[in-house]
């Protein structure tokens, strides 16, 4: 969504990237002069279509990062390893939960940390060392490979496996916190992990401040009858009801008598009196009407009927600026599209696994 991206990133000022040299550039997808090429088909294809941008800089090395990861990493040690080993490619790796290896590209290395094997999202794996989607490439190798292998559209699936055994591919092991939030479940879990007494991702480290595009808002306010338990409450939020185990973004209002449990509430949402939210993700500016019940417990969990592989862990997702009618009952694994109004809801009870759009 280019408009949303541009509004958030702007000229990069919140990250001190608003410079005339270096700094930040957004390279949007485009069809180009040869319409038969179509849109960008993957991460490698996106870089291929922007090789002119790389050519216009005097560089010998390119660092490529995934956009759906949460971590804080100093790339300089990895770059040093790349140069010390005279590597053509260096891959960031990290140990992952053995039960989640099917979500990642799994790496095998020898004693010198040279990569000798790679499997993309295996169903079963004895190894649990995953590629982070962080790559350092020799720029000439990168250009040559992308131009001579037009069918290679993804770095993990196509480019990396084809280089192992032919080029000097090494692995750099990262020991810090890292989460791939490429699924709804992983995104929700990463938010819930911030609520731990000692969070693996320290938001309060004065030596490594995590910046974002923020708005000047008044301090967070907690009402006299409110209960705020094990949660994060951002600037500009007003909590007058009960919030437990949840992330409350800037400008959110939880009215007296409302209850929010194990949920992620994005900017400027309004949750009116008597509403109950359990394991819900609200996008920005959603209004939840009085006495609405979202994430209703009924003893069974039915996956979403349209996206059973993606929405199956009991999380209900509600899109931007939707207005949830007062008194409605909405189950688990429900997806509600953005900009819905009360008249778009077919009844006052939405069963588990349904989609409203």
Protein backbone atom coordinates (compact mmCIF):
# COMPACT_ATOMS: atom_id res chain seq x y z
CA UNK A 1 0.00 0.00 0.00
CA UNK A 2 2.21 2.85 -1.29
CA UNK A 3 0.22 5.70 0.28
CA UNK A 4 0.33 4.13 3.73
CA UNK A 5 4.04 3.35 3.31
CA UNK A 6 4.88 6.89 2.25
CA UNK A 7 2.88 8.40 5.12
CA UNK A 8 4.76 6.24 7.61
CA UNK A 9 8.26 6.55 6.15
CA UNK A 10 8.03 10.11 4.80
CA UNK A 11 11.52 11.44 4.13
CA UNK A 12 13.04 9.28 6.87
CA UNK A 13 13.36 12.09 9.41
CA UNK A 14 12.36 9.98 12.48
CA UNK A 15 15.28 7.67 11.66
CA UNK A 16 17.75 10.48 10.80
CA UNK A 17 17.71 9.30 7.18
CA UNK A 18 16.67 12.61 5.58
CA UNK A 19 20.04 13.28 3.89
CA UNK A 20 20.98 14.55 0.46
CA UNK A 21 23.59 11.75 0.12
CA UNK A 22 22.83 8.27 1.32
CA UNK A 23 19.70 8.30 3.40
CA UNK A 24 16.42 6.73 2.39
CA UNK A 25 14.92 5.97 -1.03
CA UNK A 26 11.66 4.14 -1.67
CA UNK A 27 11.74 2.13 -4.91
CA UNK A 28 8.14 1.24 -5.71
CA UNK A 29 7.12 -1.73 -7.87
CA UNK A 30 6.48 -0.86 -11.52
CA UNK A 31 5.79 -2.62 -14.80
CA UNK A 32 8.59 -1.04 -16.80
CA UNK A 33 8.90 -0.63 -20.58
CA UNK A 34 8.44 -4.34 -21.26
CA UNK A 35 4.91 -4.97 -19.98
CA UNK A 36 5.35 -8.71 -20.53
CA UNK A 37 7.68 -8.85 -17.53
CA UNK A 38 4.75 -8.11 -15.23
CA UNK A 39 5.00 -7.03 -11.62
CA UNK A 40 7.84 -8.05 -9.32
CA UNK A 41 7.45 -11.72 -8.53
CA UNK A 42 9.62 -12.04 -5.42
CA UNK A 43 12.49 -10.59 -3.42
CA UNK A 44 15.20 -11.35 -6.00
CA UNK A 45 13.03 -10.12 -8.86
CA UNK A 46 12.48 -6.86 -6.96
CA UNK A 47 16.24 -6.31 -6.73
CA UNK A 48 16.70 -7.32 -10.39
CA UNK A 49 14.25 -4.63 -11.47
CA UNK A 50 16.23 -2.03 -9.49
CA UNK A 51 19.78 -2.91 -10.56
CA UNK A 52 20.11 0.54 -12.14
CA UNK A 53 19.82 2.04 -8.66
CA UNK A 54 22.66 -0.21 -7.45
CA UNK A 55 24.77 0.63 -10.51
CA UNK A 56 24.45 4.34 -9.78
CA UNK A 57 26.35 3.91 -6.49
CA UNK A 58 30.03 3.22 -5.96
CA UNK A 59 29.63 0.10 -3.84
CA UNK A 60 31.19 -3.35 -3.70
CA UNK A 61 28.74 -4.96 -1.26
CA UNK A 62 24.94 -5.09 -0.95
CA UNK A 63 23.07 -5.87 2.27
CA UNK A 64 19.58 -7.30 1.66
CA UNK A 65 17.04 -7.53 4.47
CA UNK A 66 13.57 -9.04 4.78
CA UNK A 67 10.76 -6.62 5.55
CA UNK A 68 8.67 -8.76 7.92
CA UNK A 69 11.22 -9.39 10.66
CA UNK A 70 11.50 -7.93 14.17
CA UNK A 71 15.01 -7.68 15.65
CA UNK A 72 17.80 -5.24 16.40
CA UNK A 73 21.13 -6.15 14.89
CA UNK A 74 24.49 -4.47 14.35
CA UNK A 75 25.43 -5.58 10.83
CA UNK A 76 29.11 -4.62 11.15
CA UNK A 77 30.33 -7.96 12.65
CA UNK A 78 28.54 -9.83 9.86
CA UNK A 79 30.16 -7.56 7.28
CA UNK A 80 33.56 -8.19 8.88
CA UNK A 81 33.06 -11.96 8.62
CA UNK A 82 32.05 -11.54 4.97
CA UNK A 83 35.28 -9.72 4.19
CA UNK A 84 37.54 -11.88 6.37
CA UNK A 85 36.27 -15.04 4.65
CA UNK A 86 36.42 -13.43 1.19
CA UNK A 87 32.85 -14.61 0.84
CA UNK A 88 30.70 -14.15 -2.22
CA UNK A 89 27.56 -14.38 -0.08
CA UNK A 90 27.05 -14.32 3.69
CA UNK A 91 23.75 -15.40 5.24
CA UNK A 92 22.51 -14.42 8.68
CA UNK A 93 21.36 -17.51 10.60
CA UNK A 94 19.69 -18.17 13.94
CA UNK A 95 18.43 -21.17 15.90
CA UNK A 96 14.63 -21.53 15.87
CA UNK A 97 12.08 -23.70 17.64
CA UNK A 98 12.38 -27.25 16.19
CA UNK A 99 8.59 -27.33 15.78
CA UNK A 100 8.70 -24.26 13.52
CA UNK A 101 11.35 -25.31 11.01
CA UNK A 102 8.60 -25.69 8.37
CA UNK A 103 8.30 -21.87 8.35
CA UNK A 104 11.95 -21.18 7.46
CA UNK A 105 14.81 -21.97 5.14
CA UNK A 106 17.02 -24.41 7.08
CA UNK A 107 20.81 -24.08 6.79
CA UNK A 108 23.59 -26.67 7.19
CA UNK A 109 27.21 -25.56 7.69
CA UNK A 110 30.63 -27.15 8.11
CA UNK A 111 33.15 -26.40 10.86
CA UNK A 112 34.31 -23.21 9.11
CA UNK A 113 30.72 -21.87 8.91
CA UNK A 114 30.64 -22.41 5.16
CA UNK A 115 27.12 -23.21 4.01
CA UNK A 116 26.89 -26.74 2.62
CA UNK A 117 23.13 -27.27 2.55
CA UNK A 118 19.85 -25.40 2.38
CA UNK A 119 16.24 -26.59 2.46
CA UNK A 120 13.34 -24.17 1.99
CA UNK A 121 10.58 -24.74 4.57
CA UNK A 122 11.02 -28.51 5.06
CA UNK A 123 8.14 -30.43 6.63
CA UNK A 124 10.60 -32.18 8.94
CA UNK A 125 14.20 -31.35 9.78
CA UNK A 126 16.86 -32.61 12.14
CA UNK A 127 18.54 -29.21 12.02
CA UNK A 128 16.93 -26.11 13.47
CA UNK A 129 19.25 -23.35 12.20
CA UNK A 130 17.27 -21.01 9.97
CA UNK A 131 18.17 -18.35 7.47
CA UNK A 132 17.12 -14.95 8.81
CA UNK A 133 16.57 -13.54 5.34
CA UNK A 134 19.58 -11.27 5.92
CA UNK A 135 22.11 -11.50 3.06
CA UNK A 136 25.38 -9.81 2.16
CA UNK A 137 26.28 -10.12 -1.54
CA UNK A 138 29.33 -9.20 -3.54
CA UNK A 139 27.75 -6.67 -5.86
CA UNK A 140 29.23 -8.05 -9.11
CA UNK A 141 28.13 -11.59 -8.27
CA UNK A 142 24.64 -10.33 -7.41
CA UNK A 143 24.24 -8.47 -10.71
CA UNK A 144 25.65 -11.31 -12.80
CA UNK A 145 23.45 -13.93 -11.17
CA UNK A 146 20.23 -11.96 -11.41
CA UNK A 147 20.81 -11.01 -15.05
CA UNK A 148 21.75 -14.52 -16.18
CA UNK A 149 19.05 -16.35 -14.19
CA UNK A 150 15.76 -14.56 -14.94
CA UNK A 151 13.73 -17.46 -13.51
CA UNK A 152 15.24 -16.91 -10.05
CA UNK A 153 12.67 -14.64 -8.40
CA UNK A 154 13.20 -15.35 -4.68
CA UNK A 155 16.44 -15.23 -2.69
CA UNK A 156 15.55 -18.02 -0.29
CA UNK A 157 13.89 -20.41 -2.70
CA UNK A 158 15.93 -19.81 -5.88
CA UNK A 159 19.12 -17.77 -5.55
CA UNK A 160 20.73 -19.12 -2.38
CA UNK A 161 20.33 -22.86 -3.16
CA UNK A 162 21.80 -22.37 -6.64
CA UNK A 163 24.96 -20.71 -5.24
CA UNK A 164 25.76 -23.23 -2.49
CA UNK A 165 28.60 -25.48 -3.61
CA UNK A 166 29.49 -23.19 -6.50
CA UNK A 167 30.39 -19.97 -4.69
CA UNK A 168 31.86 -19.07 -1.31
CA UNK A 169 28.68 -18.92 0.82
CA UNK A 170 29.19 -18.45 4.56
CA UNK A 171 26.88 -18.15 7.56
CA UNK A 172 26.95 -15.57 10.34
CA UNK A 173 25.21 -16.75 13.52
CA UNK A 174 23.12 -14.12 15.29
CA UNK A 175 22.36 -14.79 18.95
CA UNK A 176 19.91 -11.97 19.75
CA UNK A 177 16.14 -11.74 19.54
CA UNK A 178 14.64 -12.26 16.09
CA UNK A 179 11.09 -12.99 15.00
CA UNK A 180 9.67 -13.57 11.54
CA UNK A 181 6.19 -12.05 11.68
CA UNK A 182 5.08 -13.29 8.29
CA UNK A 183 1.93 -14.91 9.71
CA UNK A 184 -0.95 -13.59 11.83
CA UNK A 185 -0.03 -16.02 14.63
CA UNK A 186 3.64 -14.98 14.61
CA UNK A 187 2.68 -11.28 14.57
CA UNK A 188 0.38 -11.74 17.57
CA UNK A 189 3.01 -13.79 19.45
CA UNK A 190 5.68 -11.12 18.84
CA UNK A 191 3.40 -8.51 20.38
CA UNK A 192 2.57 -10.73 23.35
CA UNK A 193 6.31 -11.37 23.90
CA UNK A 194 6.77 -7.65 24.58
CA UNK A 195 4.64 -8.06 27.71
CA UNK A 196 7.05 -10.44 29.46
CA UNK A 197 8.59 -9.19 32.71
CA UNK A 198 11.96 -9.32 30.97
CA UNK A 199 11.22 -9.00 27.26
CA UNK A 200 13.66 -10.56 24.80
CA UNK A 201 13.26 -7.41 22.69
CA UNK A 202 14.15 -4.61 25.12
CA UNK A 203 12.18 -1.48 24.23
CA UNK A 204 13.76 0.42 27.11
CA UNK A 205 17.46 0.05 26.28
CA UNK A 206 18.89 3.61 26.34
CA UNK A 207 21.87 2.48 24.26
CA UNK A 208 19.70 1.12 21.47
CA UNK A 209 16.55 3.19 21.10
CA UNK A 210 13.89 1.83 18.77
CA UNK A 211 12.57 4.73 16.71
CA UNK A 212 9.27 5.05 14.90
CA UNK A 213 7.18 7.73 13.28
CA UNK A 214 5.44 9.12 16.35
CA UNK A 215 2.88 11.85 16.88
CA UNK A 216 2.87 14.39 19.69
CA UNK A 217 0.14 13.15 22.00
CA UNK A 218 -0.59 13.70 25.69
CA UNK A 219 0.52 11.15 28.30
CA UNK A 220 -1.35 7.87 28.67
CA UNK A 221 -4.29 8.20 31.06
CA UNK A 222 -5.72 5.50 33.35
CA UNK A 223 -9.15 6.14 34.86
CA UNK A 224 -10.03 5.73 38.56
CA UNK A 225 -11.92 2.46 38.04
CA UNK A 226 -9.61 1.07 35.34
CA UNK A 227 -7.59 -2.15 35.58
CA UNK A 228 -4.43 -2.28 33.47
CA UNK A 229 -2.71 -5.64 34.01
CA UNK A 230 0.45 -6.89 32.26
CA UNK A 231 -0.02 -4.61 29.27
CA UNK A 232 1.63 -1.83 27.28
CA UNK A 233 -0.25 1.46 27.03
CA UNK A 234 1.04 4.09 24.58
CA UNK A 235 0.95 7.87 24.60
CA UNK A 236 -2.45 9.44 24.03
CA UNK A 237 -4.34 6.32 25.14
CA UNK A 238 -7.17 6.52 27.68
CA UNK A 239 -8.00 3.35 29.62
CA UNK A 240 -11.13 3.50 31.76
CA UNK A 241 -12.08 -0.17 31.53
CA UNK A 242 -10.11 -3.43 31.99
CA UNK A 243 -7.07 -4.27 29.86
CA UNK A 244 -5.17 -7.50 30.47
CA UNK A 245 -2.18 -8.90 28.55
CA UNK A 246 -2.62 -6.51 25.62
CA UNK A 247 -0.79 -3.91 23.54
CA UNK A 248 -2.60 -0.56 23.44
CA UNK A 249 -1.36 1.81 20.72
CA UNK A 250 -1.39 5.63 20.71
CA UNK A 251 -4.77 7.35 20.84
CA UNK A 252 -6.79 4.26 21.82
CA UNK A 253 -9.80 4.77 24.11
CA UNK A 254 -11.09 1.84 26.20
CA UNK A 255 -14.32 3.03 27.81
CA UNK A 256 -15.45 2.24 31.35
CA UNK A 257 -17.00 -1.24 31.47
CA UNK A 258 -15.12 -2.47 28.38
CA UNK A 259 -12.69 -5.43 28.61
CA UNK A 260 -9.68 -6.15 26.38
CA UNK A 261 -7.78 -9.44 26.85
CA UNK A 262 -4.74 -10.80 24.97
CA UNK A 263 -5.26 -8.38 22.10
CA UNK A 264 -3.35 -5.95 19.89
CA UNK A 265 -5.16 -2.63 19.47
CA UNK A 266 -3.72 -0.24 16.87
CA UNK A 267 -3.84 3.55 16.77
CA UNK A 268 -6.96 5.58 17.52
CA UNK A 269 -9.38 2.69 18.05
CA UNK A 270 -12.47 3.30 20.21
CA UNK A 271 -13.83 0.47 22.36
CA UNK A 272 -17.14 1.45 23.87
CA UNK A 273 -18.70 0.51 27.20
CA UNK A 274 -19.54 -3.14 27.78
CA UNK A 275 -17.57 -4.41 24.78
CA UNK A 276 -15.40 -7.51 25.33
CA UNK A 277 -12.39 -8.35 23.12
CA UNK A 278 -10.52 -11.63 23.56
CA UNK A 279 -7.52 -12.45 21.33
CA UNK A 280 -8.28 -9.81 18.71
CA UNK A 281 -6.13 -7.68 16.41
CA UNK A 282 -7.75 -4.33 15.57
CA UNK A 283 -6.27 -2.26 12.77
CA UNK A 284 -6.28 1.55 13.05
CA UNK A 285 -9.36 3.64 13.80
CA UNK A 286 -11.76 0.75 14.43
CA UNK A 287 -14.86 1.56 16.51
CA UNK A 288 -16.26 -1.30 18.60
CA UNK A 289 -19.86 -0.63 19.62
CA UNK A 290 -21.34 -1.01 23.09
CA UNK A 291 -21.68 -4.58 24.43
CA UNK A 292 -20.10 -6.13 21.34
CA UNK A 293 -18.37 -9.41 22.11
CA UNK A 294 -15.42 -10.32 19.85
CA UNK A 295 -13.58 -13.62 20.34
CA UNK A 296 -16.54 -15.32 21.97
CA UNK A 297 -15.57 -18.54 23.77
CA UNK A 298 -17.67 -21.51 22.63
CA UNK A 299 -15.45 -24.48 23.46
CA UNK A 300 -14.29 -25.22 19.91
CA UNK A 301 -11.91 -23.48 17.51
CA UNK A 302 -12.88 -23.56 13.82
CA UNK A 303 -10.25 -22.31 11.31
CA UNK A 304 -11.16 -19.50 8.97
CA UNK A 305 -13.03 -21.03 6.05
CA UNK A 306 -11.34 -18.94 3.35
CA UNK A 307 -7.81 -19.00 4.83
CA UNK A 308 -7.59 -22.08 7.07
CA UNK A 309 -3.80 -22.29 6.75
CA UNK A 310 -3.31 -18.67 7.87
CA UNK A 311 -6.10 -17.99 10.38
CA UNK A 312 -6.42 -21.00 12.67
CA UNK A 313 -5.05 -20.10 16.13
CA UNK A 314 -8.15 -18.39 17.51
CA UNK A 315 -7.19 -14.83 16.56
CA UNK A 316 -9.87 -12.58 15.09
CA UNK A 317 -8.63 -9.82 12.77
CA UNK A 318 -10.55 -6.60 12.05
CA UNK A 319 -9.55 -4.20 9.30
CA UNK A 320 -8.92 -0.47 9.33
CA UNK A 321 -11.77 1.98 10.12
CA UNK A 322 -14.39 -0.74 10.45
CA UNK A 323 -17.38 0.00 12.69
CA UNK A 324 -18.44 -3.00 14.76
CA UNK A 325 -22.18 -2.83 15.58
CA UNK A 326 -23.33 -2.64 19.19
CA UNK A 327 -24.31 -5.94 20.77
CA UNK A 328 -22.89 -8.18 18.03
CA UNK A 329 -21.29 -11.55 18.85
CA UNK A 330 -18.18 -12.42 16.81
CA UNK A 331 -16.32 -15.72 17.20
CA UNK A 332 -12.69 -16.81 16.80
CA UNK A 333 -10.69 -16.91 13.55
CA UNK A 334 -13.00 -14.35 11.99
CA UNK A 335 -11.66 -11.90 9.39
CA UNK A 336 -13.47 -8.60 8.93
CA UNK A 337 -12.31 -6.46 6.01
CA UNK A 338 -11.46 -2.75 6.29
CA UNK A 339 -14.10 0.00 6.12
CA UNK A 340 -17.07 -2.20 7.06
CA UNK A 341 -20.18 -0.48 8.43
CA UNK A 342 -23.03 -1.82 10.55
CA UNK A 343 -25.19 -2.51 7.47
CA UNK A 344 -22.50 -4.82 6.04
CA UNK A 345 -22.93 -7.37 8.84
CA UNK A 346 -25.49 -10.03 7.83
CA UNK A 347 -26.63 -10.78 11.40
CA UNK A 348 -25.91 -10.00 15.03
CA UNK A 349 -23.91 -13.23 15.41
CA UNK A 350 -20.81 -14.09 13.34
CA UNK A 351 -19.70 -17.70 13.83
CA UNK A 352 -16.12 -18.95 14.15
CA UNK A 353 -14.14 -18.98 10.90
CA UNK A 354 -16.35 -16.58 8.94
CA UNK A 355 -15.16 -13.69 6.74
CA UNK A 356 -17.06 -10.41 6.31
CA UNK A 357 -16.12 -8.28 3.32
